[in-house]
Amino acid sequence: MSVEYIIRFLFGGLIVSLFAVVGGLFRPRSFSGIFAAAPTVALASLGLAFVQGELQKVPVEGRSMHAGAVALGVYSWFTSYLTAKMSWHSLAATVLAYLVWLAVALGLWFVFLR
């Protein structure tokens, strides 16, 4: 096992713990799930790229994180809109919103990340 994996494990665990604490401060408690996984993995990857001196990867990873956040925001808004305003069944809304997420993510990748 290389030192890099140990650093990733420790750094990722530290960030997951910090986000869990921050998430626990808000109501409802299920809100803390937003802070648990994806942001911590992204920040750990970004931090390791920076610390390891792979500075050419940092801006690319940062732009990728922005694109992912925008796509997730569109997905979340669209799912909420379909279920709350249009009274769609949650499964149908989720499937359609997933297709919208895919279109937004691929569109952003094509325009900004390719």
N, C-alpha and C. Protein backbone atom coordinates (compact mmCIF):
# COMPACT_ATOMS: atom_id res chain seq x y z
N MET A 1 0.86 -1.19 0.00
CA MET A 1 0.00 0.00 0.00
C MET A 1 0.90 1.24 0.00
N SER A 2 0.62 2.13 -0.91
CA SER A 2 1.49 3.29 -1.03
C SER A 2 1.08 4.38 -0.03
N VAL A 3 1.99 5.29 0.18
CA VAL A 3 1.77 6.41 1.10
C VAL A 3 0.63 7.29 0.59
N GLU A 4 0.50 7.39 -0.74
CA GLU A 4 -0.56 8.22 -1.32
C GLU A 4 -1.94 7.72 -0.88
N TYR A 5 -2.15 6.41 -0.87
CA TYR A 5 -3.44 5.87 -0.45
C TYR A 5 -3.70 6.15 1.03
N ILE A 6 -2.68 6.07 1.83
CA ILE A 6 -2.84 6.36 3.25
C ILE A 6 -3.20 7.83 3.45
N ILE A 7 -2.54 8.71 2.71
CA ILE A 7 -2.85 10.15 2.80
C ILE A 7 -4.27 10.41 2.33
N ARG A 8 -4.67 9.78 1.21
CA ARG A 8 -6.05 9.95 0.72
C ARG A 8 -7.05 9.48 1.76
N PHE A 9 -6.78 8.34 2.38
CA PHE A 9 -7.67 7.79 3.39
C PHE A 9 -7.80 8.75 4.57
N LEU A 10 -6.68 9.21 5.09
CA LEU A 10 -6.71 10.09 6.26
C LEU A 10 -7.31 11.45 5.94
N PHE A 11 -6.90 12.04 4.83
CA PHE A 11 -7.41 13.36 4.44
C PHE A 11 -8.91 13.27 4.12
N GLY A 12 -9.30 12.26 3.38
CA GLY A 12 -10.72 12.07 3.07
C GLY A 12 -11.54 11.85 4.32
N GLY A 13 -11.04 11.03 5.24
CA GLY A 13 -11.75 10.80 6.50
C GLY A 13 -11.90 12.05 7.34
N LEU A 14 -10.85 12.86 7.37
CA LEU A 14 -10.91 14.12 8.11
C LEU A 14 -11.96 15.05 7.52
N ILE A 15 -11.97 15.17 6.20
CA ILE A 15 -12.92 16.08 5.57
C ILE A 15 -14.35 15.54 5.71
N VAL A 16 -14.54 14.22 5.58
CA VAL A 16 -15.87 13.65 5.79
C VAL A 16 -16.36 13.96 7.20
N SER A 17 -15.49 13.82 8.18
CA SER A 17 -15.87 14.11 9.57
C SER A 17 -16.23 15.57 9.75
N LEU A 18 -15.46 16.47 9.16
CA LEU A 18 -15.77 17.90 9.27
C LEU A 18 -17.10 18.24 8.62
N PHE A 19 -17.35 17.69 7.44
CA PHE A 19 -18.62 17.95 6.78
C PHE A 19 -19.79 17.34 7.55
N ALA A 20 -19.58 16.19 8.17
CA ALA A 20 -20.64 15.58 8.98
C ALA A 20 -20.99 16.47 10.17
N VAL A 21 -19.97 17.07 10.78
CA VAL A 21 -20.23 17.99 11.89
C VAL A 21 -21.00 19.21 11.40
N VAL A 22 -20.58 19.78 10.29
CA VAL A 22 -21.28 20.94 9.74
C VAL A 22 -22.71 20.57 9.38
N GLY A 23 -22.90 19.41 8.74
CA GLY A 23 -24.23 18.96 8.38
C GLY A 23 -25.11 18.71 9.58
N GLY A 24 -24.52 18.27 10.67
CA GLY A 24 -25.28 18.02 11.89
C GLY A 24 -25.80 19.28 12.56
N LEU A 25 -25.25 20.42 12.18
CA LEU A 25 -25.69 21.69 12.77
C LEU A 25 -27.00 22.19 12.18
N PHE A 26 -27.39 21.66 11.02
CA PHE A 26 -28.58 22.15 10.32
C PHE A 26 -29.76 21.21 10.51
N ARG A 27 -30.93 21.75 10.32
CA ARG A 27 -32.17 20.97 10.35
C ARG A 27 -32.72 20.93 8.94
N PRO A 28 -33.33 19.92 8.45
CA PRO A 28 -33.45 18.60 9.06
C PRO A 28 -32.12 17.85 9.01
N ARG A 29 -32.03 16.81 9.80
CA ARG A 29 -30.78 16.04 9.87
C ARG A 29 -30.44 15.39 8.54
N SER A 30 -31.44 15.09 7.74
CA SER A 30 -31.17 14.49 6.43
C SER A 30 -30.38 15.44 5.53
N PHE A 31 -30.42 16.72 5.85
CA PHE A 31 -29.66 17.71 5.10
C PHE A 31 -28.17 17.43 5.18
N SER A 32 -27.76 16.79 6.26
CA SER A 32 -26.33 16.52 6.44
C SER A 32 -25.79 15.57 5.38
N GLY A 33 -26.66 14.79 4.74
CA GLY A 33 -26.22 13.89 3.68
C GLY A 33 -25.60 14.62 2.51
N ILE A 34 -26.04 15.84 2.28
CA ILE A 34 -25.48 16.64 1.20
C ILE A 34 -24.00 16.90 1.45
N PHE A 35 -23.64 17.02 2.72
CA PHE A 35 -22.27 17.35 3.08
C PHE A 35 -21.38 16.12 3.28
N ALA A 36 -21.92 14.93 3.09
CA ALA A 36 -21.19 13.74 3.50
C ALA A 36 -20.20 13.21 2.47
N ALA A 37 -20.62 12.99 1.25
CA ALA A 37 -19.78 12.20 0.35
C ALA A 37 -19.11 12.99 -0.76
N ALA A 38 -19.86 13.43 -1.72
CA ALA A 38 -19.27 14.00 -2.93
C ALA A 38 -18.36 15.20 -2.68
N PRO A 39 -18.78 16.18 -1.88
CA PRO A 39 -17.87 17.31 -1.67
C PRO A 39 -16.56 16.90 -1.01
N THR A 40 -16.61 15.92 -0.12
CA THR A 40 -15.40 15.52 0.57
C THR A 40 -14.43 14.82 -0.35
N VAL A 41 -14.94 13.97 -1.22
CA VAL A 41 -14.08 13.29 -2.17
C VAL A 41 -13.47 14.30 -3.14
N ALA A 42 -14.28 15.24 -3.59
CA ALA A 42 -13.79 16.26 -4.51
C ALA A 42 -12.71 17.11 -3.87
N LEU A 43 -12.95 17.54 -2.65
CA LEU A 43 -11.95 18.37 -1.96
C LEU A 43 -10.68 17.59 -1.66
N ALA A 44 -10.83 16.32 -1.30
CA ALA A 44 -9.63 15.50 -1.05
C ALA A 44 -8.81 15.35 -2.33
N SER A 45 -9.47 15.10 -3.45
CA SER A 45 -8.76 14.97 -4.72
C SER A 45 -8.08 16.28 -5.11
N LEU A 46 -8.79 17.37 -4.94
CA LEU A 46 -8.23 18.68 -5.28
C LEU A 46 -7.03 19.00 -4.38
N GLY A 47 -7.18 18.74 -3.09
CA GLY A 47 -6.08 18.99 -2.15
C GLY A 47 -4.86 18.15 -2.44
N LEU A 48 -5.06 16.88 -2.75
CA LEU A 48 -3.93 16.01 -3.06
C LEU A 48 -3.22 16.42 -4.34
N ALA A 49 -3.99 16.82 -5.34
CA ALA A 49 -3.37 17.29 -6.58
C ALA A 49 -2.50 18.51 -6.30
N PHE A 50 -2.99 19.40 -5.45
CA PHE A 50 -2.24 20.61 -5.11
C PHE A 50 -0.99 20.27 -4.31
N VAL A 51 -1.15 19.43 -3.29
CA VAL A 51 -0.03 19.08 -2.41
C VAL A 51 1.04 18.31 -3.17
N GLN A 52 0.63 17.46 -4.10
CA GLN A 52 1.59 16.65 -4.85
C GLN A 52 2.25 17.43 -5.98
N GLY A 53 1.89 18.70 -6.13
CA GLY A 53 2.52 19.53 -7.13
C GLY A 53 1.98 19.35 -8.53
N GLU A 54 0.86 18.69 -8.66
CA GLU A 54 0.24 18.50 -9.97
C GLU A 54 -0.64 19.70 -10.27
N LEU A 55 -0.02 20.85 -10.37
CA LEU A 55 -0.76 22.11 -10.47
C LEU A 55 -1.56 22.24 -11.76
N GLN A 56 -1.20 21.52 -12.81
CA GLN A 56 -1.98 21.58 -14.04
C GLN A 56 -3.33 20.88 -13.88
N LYS A 57 -3.45 19.95 -12.91
CA LYS A 57 -4.70 19.24 -12.68
C LYS A 57 -5.69 20.05 -11.85
N VAL A 58 -5.19 20.96 -11.02
CA VAL A 58 -6.04 21.69 -10.09
C VAL A 58 -7.12 22.50 -10.80
N PRO A 59 -6.80 23.33 -11.80
CA PRO A 59 -7.87 24.08 -12.46
C PRO A 59 -8.87 23.19 -13.20
N VAL A 60 -8.38 22.09 -13.78
CA VAL A 60 -9.28 21.18 -14.49
C VAL A 60 -10.25 20.53 -13.50
N GLU A 61 -9.73 20.08 -12.37
CA GLU A 61 -10.59 19.47 -11.37
C GLU A 61 -11.57 20.49 -10.80
N GLY A 62 -11.10 21.72 -10.60
CA GLY A 62 -11.99 22.77 -10.10
C GLY A 62 -13.13 23.07 -11.06
N ARG A 63 -12.81 23.17 -12.35
CA ARG A 63 -13.87 23.40 -13.34
C ARG A 63 -14.82 22.22 -13.41
N SER A 64 -14.30 21.01 -13.27
CA SER A 64 -15.15 19.83 -13.28
C SER A 64 -16.11 19.84 -12.09
N MET A 65 -15.61 20.29 -10.94
CA MET A 65 -16.46 20.37 -9.75
C MET A 65 -17.55 21.42 -9.93
N HIS A 66 -17.21 22.53 -10.55
CA HIS A 66 -18.23 23.55 -10.82
C HIS A 66 -19.30 23.01 -11.76
N ALA A 67 -18.88 22.34 -12.81
CA ALA A 67 -19.85 21.78 -13.76
C ALA A 67 -20.74 20.75 -13.08
N GLY A 68 -20.15 19.91 -12.25
CA GLY A 68 -20.94 18.92 -11.51
C GLY A 68 -21.93 19.56 -10.57
N ALA A 69 -21.52 20.64 -9.92
CA ALA A 69 -22.42 21.34 -9.00
C ALA A 69 -23.59 21.97 -9.75
N VAL A 70 -23.31 22.55 -10.91
CA VAL A 70 -24.39 23.15 -11.71
C VAL A 70 -25.36 22.06 -12.17
N ALA A 71 -24.84 20.95 -12.68
CA ALA A 71 -25.70 19.85 -13.14
C ALA A 71 -26.54 19.30 -11.99
N LEU A 72 -25.94 19.14 -10.81
CA LEU A 72 -26.69 18.67 -9.64
C LEU A 72 -27.76 19.66 -9.23
N GLY A 73 -27.44 20.95 -9.29
CA GLY A 73 -28.42 21.98 -8.95
C GLY A 73 -29.61 21.95 -9.89
N VAL A 74 -29.35 21.80 -11.19
CA VAL A 74 -30.43 21.73 -12.18
C VAL A 74 -31.26 20.48 -11.92
N TYR A 75 -30.60 19.36 -11.68
CA TYR A 75 -31.30 18.10 -11.38
C TYR A 75 -32.20 18.26 -10.15
N SER A 76 -31.66 18.82 -9.10
CA SER A 76 -32.43 18.99 -7.85
C SER A 76 -33.62 19.91 -8.05
N TRP A 77 -33.39 21.04 -8.70
CA TRP A 77 -34.48 21.98 -8.94
C TRP A 77 -35.56 21.34 -9.79
N PHE A 78 -35.16 20.66 -10.86
CA PHE A 78 -36.12 20.07 -11.78
C PHE A 78 -36.93 18.97 -11.10
N THR A 79 -36.28 18.14 -10.30
CA THR A 79 -37.00 17.09 -9.57
C THR A 79 -38.00 17.71 -8.60
N SER A 80 -37.58 18.74 -7.88
CA SER A 80 -38.48 19.42 -6.95
C SER A 80 -39.66 20.05 -7.68
N TYR A 81 -39.37 20.67 -8.81
CA TYR A 81 -40.42 21.31 -9.59
C TYR A 81 -41.46 20.28 -10.06
N LEU A 82 -40.98 19.17 -10.61
CA LEU A 82 -41.90 18.15 -11.11
C LEU A 82 -42.73 17.52 -10.01
N THR A 83 -42.13 17.26 -8.86
CA THR A 83 -42.88 16.60 -7.78
C THR A 83 -43.76 17.57 -7.01
N ALA A 84 -43.28 18.76 -6.71
CA ALA A 84 -44.04 19.69 -5.87
C ALA A 84 -45.05 20.52 -6.68
N LYS A 85 -44.63 21.06 -7.78
CA LYS A 85 -45.51 21.95 -8.56
C LYS A 85 -46.38 21.21 -9.56
N MET A 86 -45.83 20.17 -10.17
CA MET A 86 -46.56 19.46 -11.22
C MET A 86 -47.19 18.17 -10.73
N SER A 87 -46.93 17.80 -9.46
CA SER A 87 -47.50 16.60 -8.82
C SER A 87 -47.16 15.30 -9.55
N TRP A 88 -45.95 15.23 -10.09
CA TRP A 88 -45.50 14.01 -10.73
C TRP A 88 -45.16 12.97 -9.67
N HIS A 89 -45.22 11.71 -10.04
CA HIS A 89 -44.75 10.63 -9.18
C HIS A 89 -43.23 10.76 -9.06
N SER A 90 -42.70 10.47 -7.90
CA SER A 90 -41.27 10.70 -7.67
C SER A 90 -40.37 9.89 -8.59
N LEU A 91 -40.75 8.67 -8.92
CA LEU A 91 -39.92 7.86 -9.80
C LEU A 91 -39.86 8.46 -11.20
N ALA A 92 -41.00 8.86 -11.73
CA ALA A 92 -41.03 9.46 -13.07
C ALA A 92 -40.24 10.77 -13.10
N ALA A 93 -40.41 11.58 -12.05
CA ALA A 93 -39.69 12.85 -11.98
C ALA A 93 -38.19 12.63 -11.89
N THR A 94 -37.78 11.64 -11.13
CA THR A 94 -36.36 11.35 -10.97
C THR A 94 -35.74 10.86 -12.27
N VAL A 95 -36.44 9.99 -12.98
CA VAL A 95 -35.92 9.48 -14.25
C VAL A 95 -35.78 10.60 -15.27
N LEU A 96 -36.80 11.44 -15.40
CA LEU A 96 -36.71 12.54 -16.35
C LEU A 96 -35.64 13.55 -15.93
N ALA A 97 -35.57 13.84 -14.64
CA ALA A 97 -34.56 14.78 -14.15
C ALA A 97 -33.16 14.22 -14.35
N TYR A 98 -33.01 12.90 -14.26
CA TYR A 98 -31.71 12.30 -14.53
C TYR A 98 -31.28 12.56 -15.97
N LEU A 99 -32.21 12.45 -16.88
CA LEU A 99 -31.89 12.73 -18.28
C LEU A 99 -31.50 14.20 -18.47
N VAL A 100 -32.19 15.09 -17.74
CA VAL A 100 -31.84 16.51 -17.79
C VAL A 100 -30.44 16.72 -17.21
N TRP A 101 -30.16 16.06 -16.08
CA TRP A 101 -28.83 16.15 -15.48
C TRP A 101 -27.76 15.70 -16.47
N LEU A 102 -28.01 14.57 -17.14
CA LEU A 102 -27.06 14.05 -18.10
C LEU A 102 -26.82 15.05 -19.23
N ALA A 103 -27.88 15.64 -19.73
CA ALA A 103 -27.75 16.63 -20.81
C ALA A 103 -26.95 17.84 -20.34
N VAL A 104 -27.23 18.33 -19.14
CA VAL A 104 -26.51 19.50 -18.62
C VAL A 104 -25.04 19.15 -18.39
N ALA A 105 -24.78 18.01 -17.76
CA ALA A 105 -23.40 17.61 -17.47
C ALA A 105 -22.60 17.42 -18.76
N LEU A 106 -23.17 16.73 -19.73
CA LEU A 106 -22.46 16.54 -20.99
C LEU A 106 -22.30 17.84 -21.75
N GLY A 107 -23.32 18.69 -21.70
CA GLY A 107 -23.21 20.00 -22.36
C GLY A 107 -22.12 20.85 -21.75
N LEU A 108 -22.05 20.89 -20.43
CA LEU A 108 -20.99 21.66 -19.77
C LEU A 108 -19.62 21.07 -20.05
N TRP A 109 -19.55 19.74 -20.07
CA TRP A 109 -18.27 19.11 -20.39
C TRP A 109 -17.83 19.48 -21.80
N PHE A 110 -18.79 19.41 -22.74
CA PHE A 110 -18.47 19.69 -24.13
C PHE A 110 -18.00 21.13 -24.32
N VAL A 111 -18.64 22.07 -23.61
CA VAL A 111 -18.32 23.48 -23.79
C VAL A 111 -17.07 23.89 -23.01
N PHE A 112 -16.93 23.44 -21.75
CA PHE A 112 -15.89 23.96 -20.88
C PHE A 112 -14.73 23.01 -20.56
N LEU A 113 -14.93 21.74 -20.70
CA LEU A 113 -13.94 20.79 -20.17
C LEU A 113 -13.26 19.93 -21.22
N ARG A 114 -13.77 19.87 -22.38
CA ARG A 114 -13.24 19.00 -23.41
C ARG A 114 -11.88 19.43 -23.84
